[in-house]
N, C-alpha and C. Protein backbone atom coordinates (compact mmCIF):
# COMPACT_ATOMS: atom_id res chain seq x y z
N MET A 1 -1.60 -14.36 17.39
CA MET A 1 -2.24 -14.37 16.07
C MET A 1 -3.75 -14.50 16.19
N ARG A 2 -4.24 -15.21 17.22
CA ARG A 2 -5.68 -15.39 17.36
C ARG A 2 -6.39 -14.09 17.66
N ASN A 3 -5.67 -13.11 18.22
CA ASN A 3 -6.29 -11.85 18.57
C ASN A 3 -6.22 -10.80 17.46
N LEU A 4 -5.54 -11.13 16.35
CA LEU A 4 -5.43 -10.18 15.25
C LEU A 4 -6.71 -10.18 14.42
N PRO A 5 -7.12 -9.01 13.90
CA PRO A 5 -8.26 -8.99 12.97
C PRO A 5 -7.92 -9.76 11.71
N VAL A 6 -8.94 -10.21 11.01
CA VAL A 6 -8.79 -11.25 9.99
C VAL A 6 -7.90 -10.84 8.82
N VAL A 7 -8.04 -9.63 8.29
CA VAL A 7 -7.26 -9.23 7.12
C VAL A 7 -5.80 -9.08 7.46
N THR A 8 -5.50 -8.43 8.57
CA THR A 8 -4.11 -8.30 9.01
C THR A 8 -3.48 -9.67 9.22
N LYS A 9 -4.21 -10.57 9.84
CA LYS A 9 -3.70 -11.92 10.09
C LYS A 9 -3.34 -12.63 8.79
N TYR A 10 -4.25 -12.61 7.81
CA TYR A 10 -4.00 -13.35 6.59
C TYR A 10 -2.97 -12.66 5.69
N LEU A 11 -2.84 -11.36 5.81
CA LEU A 11 -1.76 -10.68 5.09
C LEU A 11 -0.41 -11.10 5.64
N LEU A 12 -0.29 -11.19 6.96
CA LEU A 12 0.95 -11.65 7.56
C LEU A 12 1.27 -13.09 7.13
N ILE A 13 0.26 -13.95 7.17
CA ILE A 13 0.47 -15.34 6.79
C ILE A 13 0.89 -15.44 5.32
N ALA A 14 0.20 -14.71 4.44
CA ALA A 14 0.50 -14.78 3.01
C ALA A 14 1.91 -14.30 2.71
N ASN A 15 2.32 -13.20 3.34
CA ASN A 15 3.65 -12.66 3.08
C ASN A 15 4.74 -13.63 3.54
N PHE A 16 4.61 -14.18 4.73
CA PHE A 16 5.62 -15.11 5.22
C PHE A 16 5.60 -16.42 4.44
N ALA A 17 4.41 -16.89 4.06
CA ALA A 17 4.31 -18.14 3.30
C ALA A 17 5.02 -18.01 1.95
N LEU A 18 4.81 -16.89 1.25
CA LEU A 18 5.46 -16.71 -0.05
C LEU A 18 6.95 -16.48 0.10
N TRP A 19 7.36 -15.86 1.19
CA TRP A 19 8.80 -15.69 1.41
C TRP A 19 9.49 -17.03 1.60
N PHE A 20 8.89 -17.89 2.43
CA PHE A 20 9.46 -19.23 2.63
C PHE A 20 9.41 -20.04 1.33
N LEU A 21 8.34 -19.86 0.55
CA LEU A 21 8.23 -20.56 -0.72
C LEU A 21 9.33 -20.10 -1.68
N ASP A 22 9.61 -18.81 -1.67
CA ASP A 22 10.67 -18.27 -2.52
C ASP A 22 12.03 -18.85 -2.13
N ILE A 23 12.28 -18.96 -0.82
CA ILE A 23 13.54 -19.55 -0.35
C ILE A 23 13.63 -21.02 -0.80
N PHE A 24 12.52 -21.75 -0.70
CA PHE A 24 12.51 -23.16 -1.08
C PHE A 24 12.85 -23.33 -2.56
N PHE A 25 12.19 -22.56 -3.42
CA PHE A 25 12.42 -22.71 -4.85
C PHE A 25 13.80 -22.21 -5.26
N GLU A 26 14.33 -21.22 -4.52
CA GLU A 26 15.65 -20.70 -4.85
C GLU A 26 16.72 -21.78 -4.69
N ARG A 27 16.52 -22.73 -3.80
CA ARG A 27 17.46 -23.83 -3.62
C ARG A 27 17.57 -24.68 -4.89
N TYR A 28 16.54 -24.62 -5.73
CA TYR A 28 16.52 -25.39 -6.96
C TYR A 28 16.72 -24.50 -8.20
N GLY A 29 17.23 -23.30 -7.95
CA GLY A 29 17.56 -22.39 -9.05
C GLY A 29 16.38 -21.64 -9.64
N VAL A 30 15.26 -21.61 -8.94
CA VAL A 30 14.08 -20.90 -9.44
C VAL A 30 13.83 -19.69 -8.56
N ARG A 31 13.78 -18.50 -9.17
CA ARG A 31 13.51 -17.27 -8.44
C ARG A 31 12.10 -16.80 -8.73
N LEU A 32 11.23 -16.85 -7.72
CA LEU A 32 9.85 -16.40 -7.91
C LEU A 32 9.77 -14.91 -8.21
N THR A 33 10.81 -14.19 -7.79
CA THR A 33 10.85 -12.75 -8.07
C THR A 33 10.79 -12.47 -9.57
N ASN A 34 11.38 -13.34 -10.36
CA ASN A 34 11.40 -13.13 -11.81
C ASN A 34 10.00 -13.19 -12.41
N ALA A 35 9.09 -13.88 -11.75
CA ALA A 35 7.73 -13.98 -12.25
C ALA A 35 6.78 -13.05 -11.53
N PHE A 36 7.00 -12.82 -10.23
CA PHE A 36 6.04 -12.10 -9.40
C PHE A 36 6.51 -10.73 -8.92
N GLY A 37 7.80 -10.40 -9.12
CA GLY A 37 8.25 -9.05 -8.83
C GLY A 37 7.75 -8.08 -9.88
N LEU A 38 7.82 -6.79 -9.58
CA LEU A 38 7.31 -5.77 -10.50
C LEU A 38 8.42 -5.31 -11.43
N PHE A 39 8.19 -5.49 -12.75
CA PHE A 39 9.10 -5.02 -13.78
C PHE A 39 8.44 -3.85 -14.54
N TYR A 40 9.28 -3.11 -15.25
CA TYR A 40 8.78 -2.01 -16.09
C TYR A 40 7.83 -2.58 -17.13
N PHE A 41 6.74 -1.84 -17.41
CA PHE A 41 5.66 -2.40 -18.24
C PHE A 41 6.09 -2.69 -19.68
N GLU A 42 7.18 -2.09 -20.15
CA GLU A 42 7.67 -2.38 -21.49
C GLU A 42 8.77 -3.43 -21.50
N HIS A 43 9.13 -3.92 -20.32
CA HIS A 43 10.17 -4.95 -20.21
C HIS A 43 9.58 -6.31 -20.57
N GLY A 44 10.38 -7.16 -21.14
CA GLY A 44 9.90 -8.48 -21.55
C GLY A 44 9.47 -9.36 -20.40
N ALA A 45 9.96 -9.06 -19.19
CA ALA A 45 9.62 -9.88 -18.02
C ALA A 45 8.36 -9.40 -17.32
N PHE A 46 7.73 -8.32 -17.82
CA PHE A 46 6.54 -7.80 -17.17
C PHE A 46 5.33 -8.69 -17.45
N HIS A 47 4.52 -8.90 -16.41
CA HIS A 47 3.26 -9.62 -16.54
C HIS A 47 2.16 -8.83 -15.84
N ILE A 48 0.94 -9.00 -16.28
CA ILE A 48 -0.18 -8.18 -15.82
C ILE A 48 -0.46 -8.34 -14.33
N TRP A 49 -0.08 -9.50 -13.74
CA TRP A 49 -0.36 -9.73 -12.33
C TRP A 49 0.68 -9.11 -11.41
N GLN A 50 1.78 -8.64 -11.94
CA GLN A 50 2.88 -8.18 -11.08
C GLN A 50 2.56 -6.98 -10.20
N PRO A 51 1.73 -6.00 -10.64
CA PRO A 51 1.39 -4.90 -9.72
C PRO A 51 0.68 -5.36 -8.45
N LEU A 52 0.14 -6.57 -8.47
CA LEU A 52 -0.48 -7.12 -7.26
C LEU A 52 0.48 -8.05 -6.52
N THR A 53 1.15 -8.93 -7.25
CA THR A 53 1.96 -9.96 -6.58
C THR A 53 3.26 -9.44 -6.00
N TYR A 54 3.78 -8.32 -6.56
CA TYR A 54 5.08 -7.83 -6.09
C TYR A 54 5.05 -7.49 -4.61
N MET A 55 3.87 -7.08 -4.10
CA MET A 55 3.80 -6.64 -2.71
C MET A 55 3.81 -7.80 -1.72
N PHE A 56 3.83 -9.04 -2.23
CA PHE A 56 3.93 -10.21 -1.37
C PHE A 56 5.30 -10.88 -1.46
N MET A 57 6.23 -10.27 -2.19
CA MET A 57 7.59 -10.80 -2.34
C MET A 57 8.56 -9.92 -1.56
N HIS A 58 9.59 -10.55 -0.99
CA HIS A 58 10.58 -9.79 -0.22
C HIS A 58 11.98 -10.31 -0.50
N ALA A 59 12.96 -9.42 -0.33
CA ALA A 59 14.33 -9.73 -0.72
C ALA A 59 15.06 -10.59 0.30
N ASN A 60 14.87 -10.32 1.58
CA ASN A 60 15.61 -11.03 2.62
C ASN A 60 14.85 -10.93 3.94
N MET A 61 15.45 -11.48 4.98
CA MET A 61 14.76 -11.54 6.27
C MET A 61 14.50 -10.15 6.85
N SER A 62 15.50 -9.28 6.80
CA SER A 62 15.31 -7.94 7.37
C SER A 62 14.23 -7.19 6.63
N HIS A 63 14.14 -7.39 5.32
CA HIS A 63 13.13 -6.72 4.51
C HIS A 63 11.72 -7.12 4.95
N ILE A 64 11.47 -8.41 5.04
CA ILE A 64 10.14 -8.86 5.40
C ILE A 64 9.82 -8.58 6.87
N LEU A 65 10.82 -8.69 7.75
CA LEU A 65 10.56 -8.44 9.16
C LEU A 65 10.18 -6.99 9.41
N CYS A 66 10.85 -6.06 8.77
CA CYS A 66 10.52 -4.63 8.93
C CYS A 66 9.11 -4.34 8.45
N ASN A 67 8.77 -4.85 7.26
CA ASN A 67 7.43 -4.60 6.72
C ASN A 67 6.34 -5.25 7.55
N MET A 68 6.57 -6.50 7.94
CA MET A 68 5.55 -7.21 8.69
C MET A 68 5.43 -6.70 10.12
N PHE A 69 6.52 -6.20 10.69
CA PHE A 69 6.43 -5.59 12.01
C PHE A 69 5.53 -4.36 11.96
N ALA A 70 5.72 -3.52 10.94
CA ALA A 70 4.88 -2.33 10.80
C ALA A 70 3.43 -2.72 10.55
N LEU A 71 3.20 -3.75 9.73
CA LEU A 71 1.83 -4.22 9.48
C LEU A 71 1.21 -4.74 10.76
N TRP A 72 1.96 -5.53 11.52
CA TRP A 72 1.46 -6.08 12.78
C TRP A 72 1.19 -4.98 13.81
N MET A 73 2.01 -3.94 13.79
CA MET A 73 1.89 -2.88 14.79
C MET A 73 0.73 -1.93 14.49
N PHE A 74 0.59 -1.51 13.23
CA PHE A 74 -0.40 -0.49 12.89
C PHE A 74 -1.64 -1.05 12.20
N GLY A 75 -1.49 -2.19 11.51
CA GLY A 75 -2.62 -2.75 10.77
C GLY A 75 -3.84 -3.04 11.61
N PRO A 76 -3.72 -3.72 12.77
CA PRO A 76 -4.90 -4.02 13.58
C PRO A 76 -5.66 -2.78 14.04
N VAL A 77 -4.93 -1.72 14.35
CA VAL A 77 -5.59 -0.48 14.79
C VAL A 77 -6.47 0.08 13.67
N ILE A 78 -5.91 0.12 12.45
CA ILE A 78 -6.66 0.66 11.32
C ILE A 78 -7.81 -0.27 10.95
N GLU A 79 -7.57 -1.57 10.95
CA GLU A 79 -8.64 -2.51 10.58
C GLU A 79 -9.78 -2.48 11.60
N ASN A 80 -9.46 -2.39 12.87
CA ASN A 80 -10.51 -2.29 13.88
C ASN A 80 -11.29 -0.99 13.78
N GLU A 81 -10.64 0.05 13.31
CA GLU A 81 -11.30 1.35 13.17
C GLU A 81 -12.20 1.39 11.94
N TRP A 82 -11.73 0.85 10.84
CA TRP A 82 -12.45 0.94 9.58
C TRP A 82 -13.31 -0.27 9.26
N GLY A 83 -12.96 -1.40 9.81
CA GLY A 83 -13.57 -2.66 9.41
C GLY A 83 -12.70 -3.38 8.40
N SER A 84 -12.87 -4.69 8.31
CA SER A 84 -11.97 -5.51 7.49
C SER A 84 -12.09 -5.21 6.01
N LYS A 85 -13.31 -5.01 5.51
CA LYS A 85 -13.49 -4.78 4.09
C LYS A 85 -12.79 -3.50 3.64
N ARG A 86 -13.02 -2.43 4.37
CA ARG A 86 -12.41 -1.16 3.99
C ARG A 86 -10.90 -1.22 4.13
N PHE A 87 -10.43 -1.87 5.17
CA PHE A 87 -8.99 -2.00 5.37
C PHE A 87 -8.35 -2.77 4.23
N ALA A 88 -8.97 -3.87 3.80
CA ALA A 88 -8.43 -4.67 2.70
C ALA A 88 -8.36 -3.86 1.42
N ILE A 89 -9.43 -3.11 1.13
CA ILE A 89 -9.44 -2.25 -0.06
C ILE A 89 -8.33 -1.22 0.02
N TYR A 90 -8.19 -0.60 1.17
CA TYR A 90 -7.17 0.44 1.36
C TYR A 90 -5.78 -0.13 1.17
N TYR A 91 -5.50 -1.28 1.76
CA TYR A 91 -4.18 -1.90 1.66
C TYR A 91 -3.83 -2.19 0.21
N LEU A 92 -4.76 -2.79 -0.52
CA LEU A 92 -4.50 -3.16 -1.91
C LEU A 92 -4.35 -1.94 -2.81
N ILE A 93 -5.18 -0.93 -2.60
CA ILE A 93 -5.08 0.29 -3.41
C ILE A 93 -3.75 0.99 -3.17
N CYS A 94 -3.31 1.04 -1.93
CA CYS A 94 -2.01 1.67 -1.63
C CYS A 94 -0.87 0.89 -2.30
N GLY A 95 -0.95 -0.44 -2.26
CA GLY A 95 0.08 -1.24 -2.91
C GLY A 95 0.07 -1.08 -4.42
N LEU A 96 -1.12 -1.06 -5.02
CA LEU A 96 -1.23 -0.86 -6.46
C LEU A 96 -0.79 0.56 -6.85
N GLY A 97 -1.13 1.54 -6.01
CA GLY A 97 -0.70 2.91 -6.27
C GLY A 97 0.81 3.06 -6.20
N ALA A 98 1.43 2.35 -5.27
CA ALA A 98 2.89 2.37 -5.18
C ALA A 98 3.50 1.77 -6.44
N ALA A 99 2.90 0.70 -6.97
CA ALA A 99 3.39 0.08 -8.20
C ALA A 99 3.26 1.04 -9.37
N LEU A 100 2.13 1.72 -9.47
CA LEU A 100 1.94 2.69 -10.55
C LEU A 100 2.94 3.83 -10.45
N THR A 101 3.19 4.31 -9.24
CA THR A 101 4.17 5.37 -9.03
C THR A 101 5.56 4.93 -9.48
N GLN A 102 5.93 3.70 -9.14
CA GLN A 102 7.24 3.19 -9.54
C GLN A 102 7.34 3.07 -11.05
N GLU A 103 6.26 2.65 -11.70
CA GLU A 103 6.25 2.56 -13.16
C GLU A 103 6.46 3.94 -13.79
N VAL A 104 5.81 4.95 -13.24
CA VAL A 104 5.97 6.32 -13.75
C VAL A 104 7.40 6.80 -13.56
N VAL A 105 8.00 6.51 -12.40
CA VAL A 105 9.38 6.90 -12.15
C VAL A 105 10.31 6.23 -13.15
N TRP A 106 10.11 4.95 -13.41
CA TRP A 106 10.93 4.25 -14.41
C TRP A 106 10.76 4.88 -15.79
N TRP A 107 9.53 5.23 -16.12
CA TRP A 107 9.26 5.83 -17.43
C TRP A 107 9.94 7.19 -17.57
N LEU A 108 9.95 7.97 -16.49
CA LEU A 108 10.55 9.30 -16.52
C LEU A 108 12.07 9.24 -16.53
N THR A 109 12.63 8.32 -15.80
CA THR A 109 14.10 8.26 -15.66
C THR A 109 14.77 7.37 -16.70
N GLY A 110 14.03 6.43 -17.24
CA GLY A 110 14.62 5.48 -18.18
C GLY A 110 15.52 4.46 -17.53
N SER A 111 15.49 4.40 -16.20
CA SER A 111 16.30 3.44 -15.45
C SER A 111 15.38 2.40 -14.83
N TYR A 112 15.54 1.14 -15.21
CA TYR A 112 14.60 0.10 -14.82
C TYR A 112 15.24 -0.87 -13.84
N GLY A 113 14.40 -1.61 -13.18
CA GLY A 113 14.85 -2.65 -12.27
C GLY A 113 13.67 -3.55 -11.95
N VAL A 114 13.72 -4.14 -10.79
CA VAL A 114 12.60 -4.94 -10.30
C VAL A 114 12.29 -4.49 -8.89
N THR A 115 11.02 -4.31 -8.58
CA THR A 115 10.59 -3.85 -7.26
C THR A 115 9.79 -4.94 -6.58
N ILE A 116 10.11 -5.20 -5.32
CA ILE A 116 9.37 -6.17 -4.52
C ILE A 116 9.16 -5.61 -3.12
N GLY A 117 8.16 -6.14 -2.43
CA GLY A 117 7.95 -5.76 -1.04
C GLY A 117 6.61 -5.11 -0.79
N ALA A 118 6.16 -5.23 0.45
CA ALA A 118 4.88 -4.66 0.87
C ALA A 118 5.01 -3.22 1.35
N SER A 119 6.18 -2.60 1.14
CA SER A 119 6.44 -1.29 1.72
C SER A 119 5.45 -0.23 1.26
N GLY A 120 5.05 -0.24 -0.02
CA GLY A 120 4.11 0.76 -0.50
C GLY A 120 2.80 0.69 0.25
N ALA A 121 2.26 -0.52 0.42
CA ALA A 121 1.01 -0.69 1.17
C ALA A 121 1.21 -0.33 2.64
N VAL A 122 2.35 -0.71 3.20
CA VAL A 122 2.63 -0.42 4.60
C VAL A 122 2.75 1.08 4.83
N PHE A 123 3.38 1.80 3.90
CA PHE A 123 3.46 3.25 4.04
C PHE A 123 2.07 3.88 3.97
N GLY A 124 1.18 3.29 3.19
CA GLY A 124 -0.20 3.75 3.19
C GLY A 124 -0.84 3.57 4.55
N ILE A 125 -0.55 2.46 5.22
CA ILE A 125 -1.07 2.22 6.56
C ILE A 125 -0.50 3.23 7.56
N LEU A 126 0.80 3.53 7.44
CA LEU A 126 1.40 4.54 8.31
C LEU A 126 0.71 5.89 8.13
N PHE A 127 0.43 6.23 6.86
CA PHE A 127 -0.27 7.49 6.61
C PHE A 127 -1.65 7.48 7.26
N ALA A 128 -2.37 6.37 7.11
CA ALA A 128 -3.71 6.27 7.69
C ALA A 128 -3.66 6.40 9.21
N PHE A 129 -2.65 5.81 9.83
CA PHE A 129 -2.52 5.92 11.28
C PHE A 129 -2.28 7.37 11.68
N GLY A 130 -1.40 8.06 10.95
CA GLY A 130 -1.16 9.46 11.24
C GLY A 130 -2.39 10.32 11.01
N TRP A 131 -3.23 9.91 10.06
CA TRP A 131 -4.46 10.66 9.77
C TRP A 131 -5.51 10.41 10.84
N LEU A 132 -5.66 9.15 11.23
CA LEU A 132 -6.69 8.78 12.20
C LEU A 132 -6.33 9.19 13.62
N PHE A 133 -5.07 9.04 13.97
CA PHE A 133 -4.63 9.28 15.34
C PHE A 133 -3.44 10.23 15.35
N PRO A 134 -3.62 11.47 14.92
CA PRO A 134 -2.48 12.38 14.73
C PRO A 134 -1.73 12.71 16.01
N ASP A 135 -2.40 12.68 17.15
CA ASP A 135 -1.76 13.09 18.39
C ASP A 135 -1.34 11.93 19.27
N VAL A 136 -1.53 10.71 18.81
CA VAL A 136 -1.01 9.56 19.56
C VAL A 136 0.51 9.62 19.55
N ARG A 137 1.11 9.42 20.69
CA ARG A 137 2.57 9.52 20.80
C ARG A 137 3.22 8.16 20.57
N LEU A 138 4.24 8.15 19.71
CA LEU A 138 4.96 6.93 19.38
C LEU A 138 6.36 6.99 19.98
N PHE A 139 6.82 5.86 20.47
CA PHE A 139 8.19 5.76 20.97
C PHE A 139 9.01 5.02 19.92
N LEU A 140 10.01 5.68 19.36
CA LEU A 140 10.86 5.10 18.33
C LEU A 140 12.18 4.67 18.94
N PHE A 141 12.80 3.69 18.30
CA PHE A 141 14.02 3.09 18.86
C PHE A 141 15.14 4.11 19.03
N LEU A 142 15.29 5.04 18.09
CA LEU A 142 16.45 5.93 18.08
C LEU A 142 16.18 7.27 18.76
N LEU A 143 14.95 7.49 19.23
CA LEU A 143 14.64 8.77 19.87
C LEU A 143 14.28 8.54 21.33
N PRO A 144 14.84 9.35 22.23
CA PRO A 144 14.57 9.16 23.67
C PRO A 144 13.24 9.75 24.11
N ILE A 145 12.57 10.48 23.24
CA ILE A 145 11.31 11.13 23.61
C ILE A 145 10.20 10.67 22.66
N PRO A 146 8.95 10.67 23.12
CA PRO A 146 7.84 10.28 22.23
C PRO A 146 7.61 11.32 21.15
N ILE A 147 7.08 10.89 20.04
CA ILE A 147 6.81 11.79 18.91
C ILE A 147 5.38 11.56 18.44
N ARG A 148 4.68 12.63 18.12
CA ARG A 148 3.30 12.50 17.66
C ARG A 148 3.24 11.78 16.32
N ALA A 149 2.18 11.03 16.11
CA ALA A 149 2.06 10.20 14.91
C ALA A 149 2.12 11.05 13.64
N ARG A 150 1.44 12.19 13.62
CA ARG A 150 1.43 13.01 12.42
C ARG A 150 2.82 13.57 12.12
N VAL A 151 3.58 13.90 13.16
CA VAL A 151 4.94 14.40 12.97
C VAL A 151 5.83 13.29 12.43
N PHE A 152 5.66 12.10 12.98
CA PHE A 152 6.42 10.94 12.51
C PHE A 152 6.17 10.69 11.03
N VAL A 153 4.92 10.74 10.61
CA VAL A 153 4.58 10.48 9.22
C VAL A 153 5.17 11.56 8.32
N MET A 154 5.09 12.81 8.73
CA MET A 154 5.63 13.91 7.91
C MET A 154 7.15 13.80 7.79
N ILE A 155 7.83 13.47 8.89
CA ILE A 155 9.28 13.33 8.85
C ILE A 155 9.67 12.18 7.94
N TYR A 156 8.96 11.07 8.07
CA TYR A 156 9.27 9.89 7.26
C TYR A 156 9.04 10.18 5.78
N ALA A 157 7.95 10.88 5.47
CA ALA A 157 7.67 11.23 4.07
C ALA A 157 8.73 12.16 3.52
N ALA A 158 9.16 13.13 4.31
CA ALA A 158 10.20 14.05 3.87
C ALA A 158 11.52 13.31 3.63
N PHE A 159 11.84 12.36 4.50
CA PHE A 159 13.05 11.57 4.32
C PHE A 159 12.99 10.77 3.02
N GLU A 160 11.85 10.14 2.75
CA GLU A 160 11.70 9.37 1.53
C GLU A 160 11.83 10.24 0.29
N LEU A 161 11.28 11.45 0.35
CA LEU A 161 11.38 12.37 -0.79
C LEU A 161 12.83 12.76 -1.04
N VAL A 162 13.53 13.14 0.01
CA VAL A 162 14.94 13.53 -0.14
C VAL A 162 15.77 12.35 -0.63
N ALA A 163 15.55 11.18 -0.06
CA ALA A 163 16.30 10.00 -0.47
C ALA A 163 16.00 9.61 -1.90
N GLY A 164 14.76 9.84 -2.34
CA GLY A 164 14.40 9.53 -3.72
C GLY A 164 15.00 10.51 -4.71
N LEU A 165 15.05 11.78 -4.34
CA LEU A 165 15.60 12.80 -5.24
C LEU A 165 17.13 12.76 -5.29
N ALA A 166 17.74 12.40 -4.17
CA ALA A 166 19.22 12.35 -4.12
C ALA A 166 19.66 11.05 -3.48
N PRO A 167 19.50 9.93 -4.20
CA PRO A 167 19.85 8.63 -3.62
C PRO A 167 21.34 8.51 -3.38
N SER A 168 21.67 7.83 -2.31
CA SER A 168 23.08 7.59 -2.00
C SER A 168 23.60 6.41 -2.82
N ALA A 169 24.90 6.27 -2.87
CA ALA A 169 25.52 5.18 -3.63
C ALA A 169 25.08 3.84 -3.08
N GLY A 170 24.65 2.95 -3.96
CA GLY A 170 24.22 1.62 -3.55
C GLY A 170 22.82 1.54 -3.00
N ASP A 171 22.08 2.66 -3.03
CA ASP A 171 20.71 2.67 -2.51
C ASP A 171 19.80 1.99 -3.53
N ASN A 172 19.19 0.88 -3.14
CA ASN A 172 18.28 0.18 -4.04
C ASN A 172 16.86 0.17 -3.51
N VAL A 173 16.52 1.15 -2.67
CA VAL A 173 15.18 1.26 -2.10
C VAL A 173 14.29 2.07 -3.04
N ALA A 174 13.06 1.61 -3.24
CA ALA A 174 12.10 2.30 -4.11
C ALA A 174 11.39 3.39 -3.30
N HIS A 175 12.09 4.49 -3.07
CA HIS A 175 11.56 5.54 -2.21
C HIS A 175 10.28 6.15 -2.77
N PHE A 176 10.20 6.33 -4.07
CA PHE A 176 9.01 6.95 -4.65
C PHE A 176 7.82 6.00 -4.60
N ALA A 177 8.07 4.70 -4.60
CA ALA A 177 6.97 3.74 -4.41
C ALA A 177 6.39 3.89 -3.01
N HIS A 178 7.24 4.13 -2.02
CA HIS A 178 6.77 4.37 -0.66
C HIS A 178 5.88 5.61 -0.62
N LEU A 179 6.35 6.67 -1.26
CA LEU A 179 5.56 7.90 -1.31
C LEU A 179 4.27 7.68 -2.09
N GLY A 180 4.34 6.85 -3.13
CA GLY A 180 3.13 6.53 -3.89
C GLY A 180 2.09 5.84 -3.05
N GLY A 181 2.52 4.95 -2.14
CA GLY A 181 1.57 4.31 -1.24
C GLY A 181 0.88 5.32 -0.34
N MET A 182 1.65 6.29 0.16
CA MET A 182 1.05 7.35 0.97
C MET A 182 0.11 8.22 0.15
N LEU A 183 0.53 8.58 -1.06
CA LEU A 183 -0.27 9.45 -1.92
C LEU A 183 -1.62 8.81 -2.25
N PHE A 184 -1.60 7.55 -2.64
CA PHE A 184 -2.85 6.89 -2.99
C PHE A 184 -3.71 6.63 -1.76
N GLY A 185 -3.09 6.44 -0.60
CA GLY A 185 -3.86 6.35 0.63
C GLY A 185 -4.60 7.64 0.91
N TRP A 186 -3.91 8.75 0.74
CA TRP A 186 -4.53 10.06 0.94
C TRP A 186 -5.67 10.29 -0.05
N LEU A 187 -5.44 9.96 -1.32
CA LEU A 187 -6.46 10.14 -2.34
C LEU A 187 -7.68 9.26 -2.07
N LEU A 188 -7.45 8.05 -1.58
CA LEU A 188 -8.57 7.16 -1.29
C LEU A 188 -9.39 7.68 -0.12
N ILE A 189 -8.72 8.18 0.89
CA ILE A 189 -9.43 8.76 2.03
C ILE A 189 -10.27 9.95 1.59
N LEU A 190 -9.70 10.81 0.74
CA LEU A 190 -10.47 11.94 0.22
C LEU A 190 -11.64 11.46 -0.63
N GLY A 191 -11.43 10.39 -1.39
CA GLY A 191 -12.51 9.84 -2.19
C GLY A 191 -13.64 9.31 -1.33
N TRP A 192 -13.31 8.64 -0.24
CA TRP A 192 -14.35 8.16 0.68
C TRP A 192 -15.12 9.32 1.28
N LYS A 193 -14.41 10.39 1.57
CA LYS A 193 -15.09 11.57 2.11
C LYS A 193 -16.05 12.15 1.08
N HIS A 194 -15.61 12.17 -0.19
CA HIS A 194 -16.43 12.76 -1.24
C HIS A 194 -17.72 11.97 -1.47
N ILE A 195 -17.65 10.65 -1.37
CA ILE A 195 -18.84 9.84 -1.60
C ILE A 195 -19.62 9.59 -0.32
N HIS A 196 -19.21 10.26 0.76
CA HIS A 196 -19.92 10.19 2.04
C HIS A 196 -19.94 8.79 2.64
N TRP A 197 -18.87 8.00 2.34
CA TRP A 197 -18.77 6.71 3.02
C TRP A 197 -18.59 6.94 4.52
N GLU A 198 -17.91 7.98 4.85
CA GLU A 198 -17.68 8.30 6.25
C GLU A 198 -17.54 9.81 6.37
N ASP A 199 -18.01 10.36 7.45
CA ASP A 199 -17.79 11.77 7.72
C ASP A 199 -16.48 11.90 8.48
N TRP A 200 -15.46 12.48 7.81
CA TRP A 200 -14.11 12.48 8.36
C TRP A 200 -13.86 13.71 9.24
N LYS A 201 -14.74 13.93 10.23
CA LYS A 201 -14.54 15.06 11.13
C LYS A 201 -14.14 14.51 12.51
N TRP A 202 -13.18 15.21 13.10
CA TRP A 202 -12.70 14.77 14.42
C TRP A 202 -13.72 15.11 15.49
N GLN A 203 -13.91 14.16 16.40
CA GLN A 203 -14.61 14.44 17.63
C GLN A 203 -13.81 13.81 18.75
N LYS A 204 -13.52 14.58 19.74
CA LYS A 204 -12.63 14.11 20.80
C LYS A 204 -13.43 13.76 22.05
N ASN A 205 -13.11 12.62 22.63
CA ASN A 205 -13.70 12.18 23.88
C ASN A 205 -12.84 12.69 25.02
N GLU A 206 -13.28 13.75 25.64
CA GLU A 206 -12.46 14.41 26.65
C GLU A 206 -12.27 13.55 27.90
N LYS A 207 -13.14 12.56 28.11
CA LYS A 207 -13.04 11.74 29.31
C LYS A 207 -11.97 10.66 29.19
N SER A 208 -11.50 10.41 27.97
CA SER A 208 -10.52 9.34 27.77
C SER A 208 -9.13 9.82 28.13
N SER A 209 -8.25 8.86 28.33
CA SER A 209 -6.85 9.18 28.56
C SER A 209 -6.28 9.91 27.35
N LYS A 210 -5.36 10.82 27.57
CA LYS A 210 -4.86 11.68 26.50
C LYS A 210 -4.27 10.90 25.35
N ASN A 211 -3.55 9.81 25.64
CA ASN A 211 -2.86 9.07 24.60
C ASN A 211 -3.57 7.78 24.21
N ASP A 212 -4.81 7.62 24.65
CA ASP A 212 -5.56 6.41 24.31
C ASP A 212 -6.08 6.52 22.88
N TYR A 213 -6.07 5.40 22.15
CA TYR A 213 -6.57 5.41 20.78
C TYR A 213 -8.03 5.85 20.71
N SER A 214 -8.81 5.57 21.77
CA SER A 214 -10.23 5.90 21.74
C SER A 214 -10.48 7.39 21.85
N ASN A 215 -9.42 8.19 22.06
CA ASN A 215 -9.60 9.64 22.07
C ASN A 215 -10.15 10.15 20.75
N TYR A 216 -9.79 9.49 19.67
CA TYR A 216 -10.07 10.02 18.35
C TYR A 216 -10.85 9.00 17.55
N HIS A 217 -11.96 9.42 16.98
CA HIS A 217 -12.79 8.50 16.22
C HIS A 217 -13.64 9.30 15.24
N TYR A 218 -14.20 8.59 14.29
CA TYR A 218 -15.01 9.24 13.27
C TYR A 218 -16.48 9.01 13.56
N HIS A 219 -17.31 9.96 13.11
CA HIS A 219 -18.75 9.83 13.19
C HIS A 219 -19.37 10.12 11.85
N ARG A 220 -20.32 9.33 11.46
CA ARG A 220 -21.01 9.53 10.21
C ARG A 220 -21.95 10.71 10.31
N ASN A 221 -21.93 11.57 9.32
CA ASN A 221 -22.80 12.73 9.29
C ASN A 221 -24.14 12.35 8.66
N ILE A 222 -25.24 12.46 9.39
CA ILE A 222 -26.55 12.04 8.88
C ILE A 222 -27.52 13.21 8.86
N ASP A 223 -27.07 14.37 8.37
CA ASP A 223 -27.98 15.51 8.27
C ASP A 223 -28.72 15.49 6.94
């Protein structure tokens, strides 16, 4: 934990702290999800803070472990590349964008529920990793061969789209919220390019190892 960049570290701490707090209060019949999970905006249980707080609530151990593993794995790389301020903005915008996407889906379908989890923000981080380091090879648990980051992101996005359009029986995953996190991450990156916060052109360091993260980096255009 001491070696993690500051925003990633405190996001991990906040998510686990609220999860343990939720477990503690549940023993006394109080569900924090009812106050801090994301409800449909016309539902009586909706509150203005929920598009922010829902991303710090999780359903069970596997839910939080999967999200926090992805944050721990990819978050430091993105934060070290962009800096803590930009990374924090990106994470929150992706999470808020996922919430907005879920609200639109509820409005279109007329089927409501409650959404919790950091998945929307985490999917935004996955998209950023695929954007920043498209040719870095990832080793996945179920595949015997490495896969390029950009291919992994595209496959994952396609899976979420198919699963969202044709959900299986008992599927309670907010697939479109995941896609919303990716979508708003992409829009934010394009927005940064438009305002010249960063020049998003690839320059490759040919002397570096092929699969090293330092192969790919951004340079500010100062013409």
